[in-house]
């Protein structure tokens, strides 16, 4: 009679311990890798341009332009970006509160913006109707104000440059395209400065009032020049079209209006920067970092496997750590 072979209890225990140790180390390495990656990409010193783009279309209800959204999306995707579109109802205060945490490399703000009555600064509108009770604290702190715009009697929440300064997260060398009126009026650069202080590389906006159809046309041309023709930021902005209108003052006096695009900051470094350079940096840095981290962790893992005693020590430490965590919950 042939009897099945048996594995001694000691042998079973040794195999089980070894397997658990290997599993423990694998989990630990995964956690370490995730933490290192998060730390690397979120640190100011190692900030890397993001190949994520956002089209924030607050005008989509009253001034829809699906052709603009479609063409810009295709341009960006062809250049290697993933594109997320946000339309009117989703563009509320909470959306803007999380904007920096989403880490977009390109942000296209197709939103209303307005000059304060005293001419001191410019604010960005949301699609959320003003609620004094809900935002009383933010209003007191100067983070949120309210106002209305032409052909709409409702009052809406508008975010201020202080709101941008208060955001969690960073804009990783982002390029901000602010498409609304007065978005970069001379002497009212607070919004632009706030975005730059939070990590953005450049902010592009209008010096005065601008019609939706004109800002759509010019923004599309600008993006084509930056992506397809590879123009530097400064050259592309300086060669953009200007738009001329006739405005009417409260007293009825007609005044000429000339609106053109501006770049901030208009330094030599930013003016000569090409979007292709940021794209290549993002692709290269991402690949090099991922390969480097994986190689390092694989080598560490191989060294640790050689020493069985060390494996058991790591396993015991890992179990102790888990017990401690469970006790604290």
Protein backbone atom coordinates (compact mmCIF):
# COMPACT_ATOMS: atom_id res chain seq x y z
CA UNK A 1 0.00 0.00 0.00
CA UNK A 2 1.36 3.38 -1.04
CA UNK A 3 0.85 6.09 1.49
CA UNK A 4 0.82 9.84 0.73
CA UNK A 5 3.79 11.76 1.94
CA UNK A 6 3.31 14.05 4.89
CA UNK A 7 4.83 17.45 5.61
CA UNK A 8 5.90 17.93 9.18
CA UNK A 9 4.21 20.68 11.25
CA UNK A 10 7.54 22.49 11.54
CA UNK A 11 7.98 22.45 7.75
CA UNK A 12 4.42 23.78 7.24
CA UNK A 13 5.09 26.54 9.73
CA UNK A 14 8.35 27.54 8.01
CA UNK A 15 6.67 27.67 4.58
CA UNK A 16 3.73 29.63 5.92
CA UNK A 17 5.98 32.13 7.70
CA UNK A 18 8.08 32.64 4.58
CA UNK A 19 5.04 33.22 2.37
CA UNK A 20 3.54 35.68 4.82
CA UNK A 21 6.84 37.50 5.08
CA UNK A 22 7.07 37.86 1.31
CA UNK A 23 3.49 39.11 1.13
CA UNK A 24 4.21 41.56 3.93
CA UNK A 25 7.25 42.96 2.17
CA UNK A 26 5.35 43.28 -1.11
CA UNK A 27 2.62 45.29 0.61
CA UNK A 28 5.18 47.42 2.44
CA UNK A 29 7.06 48.17 -0.79
CA UNK A 30 3.83 49.13 -2.53
CA UNK A 31 3.02 51.57 0.27
CA UNK A 32 6.53 53.01 0.20
CA UNK A 33 6.45 53.43 -3.57
CA UNK A 34 3.07 55.18 -3.46
CA UNK A 35 4.26 57.50 -0.69
CA UNK A 36 7.49 58.35 -2.51
CA UNK A 37 5.64 59.03 -5.75
CA UNK A 38 3.10 61.27 -4.02
CA UNK A 39 5.85 63.11 -2.18
CA UNK A 40 7.90 63.57 -5.35
CA UNK A 41 5.15 64.93 -7.54
CA UNK A 42 3.66 67.18 -4.86
CA UNK A 43 6.87 68.79 -3.62
CA UNK A 44 7.52 72.35 -4.75
CA UNK A 45 11.16 71.65 -5.59
CA UNK A 46 10.32 68.77 -7.92
CA UNK A 47 7.13 70.20 -9.42
CA UNK A 48 6.45 68.64 -12.79
CA UNK A 49 4.12 69.91 -15.49
CA UNK A 50 0.98 67.80 -15.75
CA UNK A 51 -0.40 66.32 -18.97
CA UNK A 52 -3.93 66.85 -17.67
CA UNK A 53 -6.01 69.65 -19.13
CA UNK A 54 -9.33 71.16 -18.04
CA UNK A 55 -11.90 73.12 -20.01
CA UNK A 56 -14.04 74.93 -17.43
CA UNK A 57 -17.06 76.16 -19.39
CA UNK A 58 -19.25 78.29 -17.16
CA UNK A 59 -20.62 80.06 -20.26
CA UNK A 60 -22.14 76.89 -21.66
CA UNK A 61 -25.69 77.75 -20.58
CA UNK A 62 -26.08 81.26 -22.01
CA UNK A 63 -23.27 81.21 -24.60
CA UNK A 64 -22.79 77.57 -25.64
CA UNK A 65 -20.09 76.82 -28.19
CA UNK A 66 -19.72 73.05 -28.56
CA UNK A 67 -17.52 73.57 -31.62
CA UNK A 68 -14.96 75.45 -29.50
CA UNK A 69 -14.93 72.71 -26.87
CA UNK A 70 -14.63 69.99 -29.52
CA UNK A 71 -11.76 71.69 -31.39
CA UNK A 72 -9.80 72.56 -28.24
CA UNK A 73 -10.25 69.04 -26.88
CA UNK A 74 -8.88 67.54 -30.10
CA UNK A 75 -5.92 69.92 -30.13
CA UNK A 76 -4.97 69.04 -26.57
CA UNK A 77 -5.46 65.29 -26.99
CA UNK A 78 -3.34 65.28 -30.14
CA UNK A 79 -0.61 66.97 -28.09
CA UNK A 80 -0.72 64.19 -25.48
CA UNK A 81 -3.06 65.63 -22.87
CA UNK A 82 -5.97 63.93 -21.19
CA UNK A 83 -8.85 66.40 -21.21
CA UNK A 84 -11.64 66.91 -18.68
CA UNK A 85 -14.59 69.20 -19.45
CA UNK A 86 -16.74 70.88 -16.81
CA UNK A 87 -19.93 72.64 -17.83
CA UNK A 88 -22.17 75.26 -16.27
CA UNK A 89 -23.94 73.47 -13.41
CA UNK A 90 -20.79 71.73 -12.14
CA UNK A 91 -18.76 74.94 -12.01
CA UNK A 92 -19.72 75.87 -8.45
CA UNK A 93 -17.72 77.08 -5.46
CA UNK A 94 -16.79 73.55 -4.37
CA UNK A 95 -15.41 72.79 -7.82
CA UNK A 96 -13.09 75.79 -7.68
CA UNK A 97 -12.13 74.87 -4.10
CA UNK A 98 -10.70 71.57 -5.35
CA UNK A 99 -9.20 72.92 -8.57
CA UNK A 100 -5.57 73.04 -7.41
CA UNK A 101 -5.75 69.51 -5.97
CA UNK A 102 -6.71 68.17 -9.42
CA UNK A 103 -3.25 69.20 -10.73
CA UNK A 104 -4.10 70.34 -14.25
CA UNK A 105 -1.24 71.43 -16.50
CA UNK A 106 -3.52 73.49 -18.71
CA UNK A 107 -6.62 75.26 -17.40
CA UNK A 108 -8.98 76.99 -19.82
CA UNK A 109 -11.31 79.26 -17.88
CA UNK A 110 -14.25 79.93 -20.20
CA UNK A 111 -15.99 81.84 -17.42
CA UNK A 112 -17.35 85.32 -16.80
CA UNK A 113 -15.06 87.65 -14.92
CA UNK A 114 -15.87 91.14 -13.71
CA UNK A 115 -14.10 94.30 -12.64
CA UNK A 116 -15.10 95.59 -9.20
CA UNK A 117 -17.07 98.83 -9.17
CA UNK A 118 -14.12 100.61 -7.58
CA UNK A 119 -11.81 99.25 -10.28
CA UNK A 120 -9.52 97.65 -7.69
CA UNK A 121 -9.49 94.02 -8.81
CA UNK A 122 -11.18 91.33 -10.92
CA UNK A 123 -13.18 88.29 -9.75
CA UNK A 124 -14.11 85.00 -11.45
CA UNK A 125 -17.78 84.01 -11.55
CA UNK A 126 -19.08 80.58 -10.67
CA UNK A 127 -22.45 79.17 -11.76
CA UNK A 128 -23.65 78.99 -8.16
CA UNK A 129 -26.30 81.49 -7.07
CA UNK A 130 -25.34 83.69 -4.15
CA UNK A 131 -26.33 82.38 -0.73
CA UNK A 132 -25.41 84.80 2.06
CA UNK A 133 -26.08 82.27 4.81
CA UNK A 134 -23.98 79.54 3.23
CA UNK A 135 -20.95 81.72 2.49
CA UNK A 136 -21.11 84.41 5.16
CA UNK A 137 -17.68 83.50 6.57
CA UNK A 138 -16.00 83.37 3.15
CA UNK A 139 -17.56 86.74 2.32
CA UNK A 140 -16.22 88.27 5.55
CA UNK A 141 -12.75 86.94 4.77
CA UNK A 142 -12.84 88.30 1.22
CA UNK A 143 -12.68 84.86 -0.39
CA UNK A 144 -16.07 85.06 -2.10
CA UNK A 145 -18.07 88.04 -3.36
CA UNK A 146 -21.25 88.21 -5.40
CA UNK A 147 -22.43 90.01 -8.51
CA UNK A 148 -24.39 89.72 -11.71
CA UNK A 149 -23.71 90.17 -15.38
CA UNK A 150 -25.57 91.37 -18.47
CA UNK A 151 -28.94 89.84 -19.33
CA UNK A 152 -29.18 87.90 -16.06
CA UNK A 153 -30.87 89.43 -12.98
CA UNK A 154 -29.60 86.72 -10.61
CA UNK A 155 -26.64 87.22 -8.31
CA UNK A 156 -23.87 84.61 -8.43
CA UNK A 157 -20.91 83.68 -6.26
CA UNK A 158 -17.60 84.94 -7.57
CA UNK A 159 -14.21 83.84 -6.30
CA UNK A 160 -11.50 86.34 -5.52
CA UNK A 161 -7.73 86.22 -5.72
CA UNK A 162 -7.72 85.52 -1.97
CA UNK A 163 -9.81 82.42 -2.65
CA UNK A 164 -7.10 81.21 -5.06
CA UNK A 165 -4.41 81.94 -2.47
CA UNK A 166 -6.29 79.82 0.10
CA UNK A 167 -6.61 76.70 -2.07
CA UNK A 168 -5.19 73.35 -1.02
CA UNK A 169 -2.80 71.88 -3.57
CA UNK A 170 -0.68 73.40 -6.33
CA UNK A 171 -0.86 74.28 -10.02
CA UNK A 172 2.11 72.26 -11.38
CA UNK A 173 3.78 74.74 -13.78
CA UNK A 174 0.29 75.24 -15.18
CA UNK A 175 -0.67 77.55 -18.03
CA UNK A 176 -3.89 79.43 -17.18
CA UNK A 177 -6.05 80.75 -20.04
CA UNK A 178 -8.51 83.23 -18.48
CA UNK A 179 -11.02 83.94 -21.24
CA UNK A 180 -13.29 86.43 -19.47
CA UNK A 181 -13.54 90.24 -19.50
CA UNK A 182 -10.77 92.21 -17.76
CA UNK A 183 -9.13 88.90 -16.73
CA UNK A 184 -5.70 90.57 -16.95
CA UNK A 185 -6.50 94.28 -16.85
CA UNK A 186 -3.50 96.55 -16.42
CA UNK A 187 -3.13 97.31 -12.71
CA UNK A 188 -5.45 94.44 -11.69
CA UNK A 189 -3.05 91.50 -11.76
CA UNK A 190 -4.06 90.06 -8.36
CA UNK A 191 -5.68 86.94 -9.85
CA UNK A 192 -2.68 86.28 -12.07
CA UNK A 193 -0.30 86.71 -9.13
CA UNK A 194 -2.37 84.34 -6.99
CA UNK A 195 -2.21 81.58 -9.61
CA UNK A 196 1.55 82.08 -10.06
CA UNK A 197 2.10 81.99 -6.29
CA UNK A 198 0.35 78.60 -6.23
CA UNK A 199 2.75 77.14 -8.79
CA UNK A 200 1.36 78.18 -12.19
CA UNK A 201 3.97 79.07 -14.81
CA UNK A 202 1.95 81.58 -16.84
CA UNK A 203 -1.42 83.34 -16.86
CA UNK A 204 -2.97 84.72 -20.05
CA UNK A 205 -5.97 87.08 -20.00
CA UNK A 206 -7.73 90.07 -21.54
CA UNK A 207 -7.05 93.73 -20.81
CA UNK A 208 -10.69 94.83 -21.15
CA UNK A 209 -14.17 93.63 -22.08
CA UNK A 210 -14.41 90.85 -24.65
CA UNK A 211 -17.35 89.18 -26.39
CA UNK A 212 -17.77 85.39 -26.04
CA UNK A 213 -17.43 84.74 -29.78
CA UNK A 214 -14.21 86.78 -29.94
CA UNK A 215 -12.54 85.19 -26.93
CA UNK A 216 -13.49 81.75 -28.31
CA UNK A 217 -11.96 82.50 -31.70
CA UNK A 218 -8.77 84.03 -30.32
CA UNK A 219 -8.19 81.35 -27.68
CA UNK A 220 -8.48 78.63 -30.33
CA UNK A 221 -6.00 80.47 -32.58
CA UNK A 222 -3.64 80.97 -29.64
CA UNK A 223 -3.70 77.26 -28.77
CA UNK A 224 -3.05 76.30 -32.38
CA UNK A 225 -0.04 78.62 -32.47
CA UNK A 226 1.31 77.21 -29.20
CA UNK A 227 0.72 73.55 -30.06
CA UNK A 228 0.92 73.15 -33.83
CA UNK A 229 3.33 75.99 -34.69
CA UNK A 230 5.28 75.67 -31.42
CA UNK A 231 5.44 79.43 -30.87
CA UNK A 232 6.90 80.70 -27.58
CA UNK A 233 4.29 82.03 -25.16
CA UNK A 234 5.30 85.67 -25.47
CA UNK A 235 5.41 85.65 -29.27
CA UNK A 236 2.02 83.92 -29.56
CA UNK A 237 0.35 86.37 -27.15
CA UNK A 238 1.91 89.48 -28.71
CA UNK A 239 0.72 88.44 -32.16
CA UNK A 240 -2.87 87.76 -31.08
CA UNK A 241 -5.63 89.96 -32.50
CA UNK A 242 -6.98 92.98 -30.64
CA UNK A 243 -10.73 93.67 -30.51
CA UNK A 244 -12.38 97.07 -30.67
CA UNK A 245 -15.80 97.96 -29.28
CA UNK A 246 -17.82 100.97 -28.22
CA UNK A 247 -18.73 101.04 -24.55
CA UNK A 248 -21.27 103.15 -22.71
CA UNK A 249 -20.58 104.75 -19.32
CA UNK A 250 -23.31 104.97 -16.64
CA UNK A 251 -23.94 108.59 -17.65
CA UNK A 252 -24.55 107.54 -21.26
CA UNK A 253 -21.22 108.67 -22.67
CA UNK A 254 -19.81 106.40 -25.38
CA UNK A 255 -16.17 105.37 -25.05
CA UNK A 256 -13.90 103.30 -27.29
CA UNK A 257 -12.71 99.95 -25.93
CA UNK A 258 -9.66 98.03 -27.10
CA UNK A 259 -9.12 94.58 -25.63
CA UNK A 260 -6.02 92.47 -26.19
CA UNK A 261 -4.34 89.49 -24.64
CA UNK A 262 -1.59 89.85 -22.03
CA UNK A 263 0.91 87.40 -20.56
CA UNK A 264 1.83 87.33 -16.88
CA UNK A 265 4.57 87.30 -15.78
CA UNK A 266 6.04 88.79 -18.95
CA UNK A 267 9.60 87.84 -18.06
CA UNK A 268 12.20 86.59 -20.52
CA UNK A 269 11.97 83.07 -19.07
CA UNK A 270 8.19 82.82 -19.42
CA UNK A 271 7.97 84.76 -22.68
CA UNK A 272 10.46 82.45 -24.41
CA UNK A 273 8.93 79.27 -23.00
CA UNK A 274 7.37 76.81 -25.43
CA UNK A 275 4.53 74.51 -24.48
CA UNK A 276 6.39 71.64 -26.15
CA UNK A 277 9.20 72.05 -23.60
CA UNK A 278 6.81 71.53 -20.72
CA UNK A 279 5.22 68.53 -22.45
CA UNK A 280 8.61 66.90 -23.06
CA UNK A 281 9.67 67.60 -19.48
CA UNK A 282 6.51 65.92 -18.17
CA UNK A 283 7.00 62.82 -20.31
CA UNK A 284 10.73 62.49 -19.59
CA UNK A 285 10.52 63.13 -15.85
CA UNK A 286 7.62 60.73 -15.38
CA UNK A 287 9.41 57.89 -17.21
CA UNK A 288 12.77 58.41 -15.51
CA UNK A 289 11.28 58.62 -12.03
CA UNK A 290 9.12 55.52 -12.43
CA UNK A 291 12.00 53.41 -13.76
CA UNK A 292 14.39 54.66 -11.07
CA UNK A 293 12.05 53.91 -8.19
CA UNK A 294 11.13 50.44 -9.46
CA UNK A 295 14.80 49.51 -10.02
CA UNK A 296 15.73 50.65 -6.52
CA UNK A 297 12.87 48.77 -4.87
CA UNK A 298 13.53 45.58 -6.85
CA UNK A 299 17.21 45.61 -5.79
CA UNK A 300 16.22 46.17 -2.15
CA UNK A 301 13.71 43.35 -2.37
CA UNK A 302 16.28 40.94 -3.85
CA UNK A 303 18.81 41.75 -1.12
CA UNK A 304 16.23 41.19 1.59
CA UNK A 305 15.19 37.80 0.18
CA UNK A 306 18.74 36.52 0.59
CA UNK A 307 18.61 36.91 4.34
CA UNK A 308 15.85 34.69 5.78
CA UNK A 309 16.45 35.91 9.31
CA UNK A 310 16.01 39.49 8.18
CA UNK A 311 12.79 38.50 6.46
CA UNK A 312 11.36 37.13 9.69
CA UNK A 313 12.33 40.31 11.54
CA UNK A 314 10.59 42.48 8.93
CA UNK A 315 7.53 40.23 9.10
CA UNK A 316 7.34 40.48 12.90
CA UNK A 317 7.79 44.29 12.72
CA UNK A 318 5.08 44.57 10.08
CA UNK A 319 2.64 42.54 12.18
CA UNK A 320 3.44 44.65 15.25
CA UNK A 321 2.81 47.81 13.24
CA UNK A 322 -0.57 46.53 12.11
CA UNK A 323 -1.57 45.56 15.64
CA UNK A 324 -0.62 49.01 16.86
CA UNK A 325 -2.65 50.66 14.12
CA UNK A 326 -5.69 48.52 14.90
CA UNK A 327 -5.46 49.40 18.56
CA UNK A 328 -5.46 53.10 17.74
CA UNK A 329 -8.60 52.96 15.60
